[in-house]
């Protein structure tokens, strides 16, 4: 009787140890999954920041090109207006 109680106690202790190990394993696995998720979130953040920087640079380049184009067109329009003013002045001088 006494040996069966000791055997039950030993089996119970082994069962608790096994459950404790499973709990530790499950907790460890959950920690690993959380760490992996954090790494992926960090990678996604870095990727998004890189994309935003690239998009900002592209927008700045396009804005610069548009400003250059507008400047060239304004200069061309100024030259054209100057030629027309000269032509009008020449025509007015001929009518006097």
Protein backbone atom coordinates (compact mmCIF):
# COMPACT_ATOMS: atom_id res chain seq x y z
CA UNK A 1 0.00 0.00 0.00
CA UNK A 2 2.76 2.31 0.98
CA UNK A 3 4.69 1.56 -2.22
CA UNK A 4 1.60 2.24 -4.33
CA UNK A 5 1.19 5.65 -2.66
CA UNK A 6 4.85 6.42 -3.31
CA UNK A 7 4.44 5.23 -6.89
CA UNK A 8 1.40 7.50 -7.31
CA UNK A 9 3.33 10.40 -5.84
CA UNK A 10 6.25 9.78 -8.19
CA UNK A 11 3.92 9.47 -11.19
CA UNK A 12 2.14 12.67 -10.14
CA UNK A 13 5.43 14.51 -9.77
CA UNK A 14 6.56 13.28 -13.20
CA UNK A 15 3.23 14.35 -14.70
CA UNK A 16 3.56 17.82 -13.17
CA UNK A 17 7.10 18.07 -14.44
CA UNK A 18 5.96 17.03 -17.92
CA UNK A 19 3.13 19.59 -17.83
CA UNK A 20 5.54 22.21 -16.59
CA UNK A 21 7.95 21.42 -19.45
CA UNK A 22 5.07 21.62 -21.95
CA UNK A 23 4.03 24.96 -20.50
CA UNK A 24 7.62 26.18 -20.76
CA UNK A 25 7.83 24.93 -24.33
CA UNK A 26 4.53 26.59 -25.23
CA UNK A 27 5.62 29.83 -23.62
CA UNK A 28 8.94 29.67 -25.40
CA UNK A 29 7.22 29.03 -28.73
CA UNK A 30 4.85 31.95 -28.11
CA UNK A 31 7.85 34.16 -27.35
CA UNK A 32 9.55 33.03 -30.53
CA UNK A 33 6.42 33.81 -32.55
CA UNK A 34 6.16 37.25 -30.95
CA UNK A 35 9.81 37.96 -31.72
CA UNK A 36 9.33 36.85 -35.34
CA UNK A 37 6.25 39.07 -35.65
CA UNK A 38 8.18 42.02 -34.22
CA UNK A 39 11.00 41.40 -36.71
CA UNK A 40 8.53 41.31 -39.59
CA UNK A 41 6.89 44.49 -38.36
CA UNK A 42 10.30 46.14 -38.15
CA UNK A 43 11.16 45.00 -41.66
CA UNK A 44 7.83 46.29 -42.96
CA UNK A 45 8.45 49.65 -41.28
CA UNK A 46 11.91 49.94 -42.82
CA UNK A 47 10.52 48.97 -46.22
CA UNK A 48 7.70 51.50 -45.96
CA UNK A 49 10.13 54.23 -44.93
CA UNK A 50 12.34 53.38 -47.89
CA UNK A 51 9.37 53.48 -50.24
CA UNK A 52 8.26 56.82 -48.82
CA UNK A 53 11.74 58.25 -49.27
CA UNK A 54 11.90 57.02 -52.86
CA UNK A 55 8.46 58.45 -53.61
CA UNK A 56 9.39 61.78 -52.04
CA UNK A 57 12.57 61.96 -54.11
CA UNK A 58 10.64 61.11 -57.28
CA UNK A 59 8.07 63.81 -56.50
CA UNK A 60 10.84 66.33 -55.84
CA UNK A 61 12.54 65.41 -59.12
CA UNK A 62 9.26 65.82 -61.00
CA UNK A 63 8.62 69.15 -59.32
CA UNK A 64 12.10 70.34 -60.26
CA UNK A 65 11.56 69.29 -63.85
CA UNK A 66 8.21 71.08 -63.94
CA UNK A 67 9.81 74.27 -62.57
CA UNK A 68 12.55 74.06 -65.21
CA UNK A 69 9.98 73.58 -67.96
CA UNK A 70 7.89 76.47 -66.68
CA UNK A 71 10.98 78.68 -66.57
CA UNK A 72 11.93 77.80 -70.15
CA UNK A 73 8.39 78.42 -71.37
CA UNK A 74 8.21 81.75 -69.56
CA UNK A 75 11.51 82.84 -71.10
CA UNK A 76 10.30 81.75 -74.53
CA UNK A 77 7.04 83.67 -74.04
CA UNK A 78 9.04 86.74 -72.96
CA UNK A 79 11.19 86.57 -76.09
CA UNK A 80 8.09 86.17 -78.26
CA UNK A 81 6.42 89.17 -76.58
CA UNK A 82 9.57 91.19 -77.10
CA UNK A 83 9.62 90.32 -80.82
CA UNK A 84 5.97 91.31 -81.15
CA UNK A 85 6.59 94.58 -79.33
CA UNK A 86 9.52 95.31 -81.64
CA UNK A 87 7.38 94.51 -84.66
CA UNK A 88 4.61 96.79 -83.39
CA UNK A 89 7.12 99.57 -82.75
CA UNK A 90 8.55 99.14 -86.26
CA UNK A 91 5.05 99.26 -87.75
CA UNK A 92 4.20 102.37 -85.76
CA UNK A 93 7.44 104.03 -86.90
CA UNK A 94 6.59 103.32 -90.54
CA UNK A 95 3.17 104.94 -90.25
CA UNK A 96 4.56 108.28 -89.05
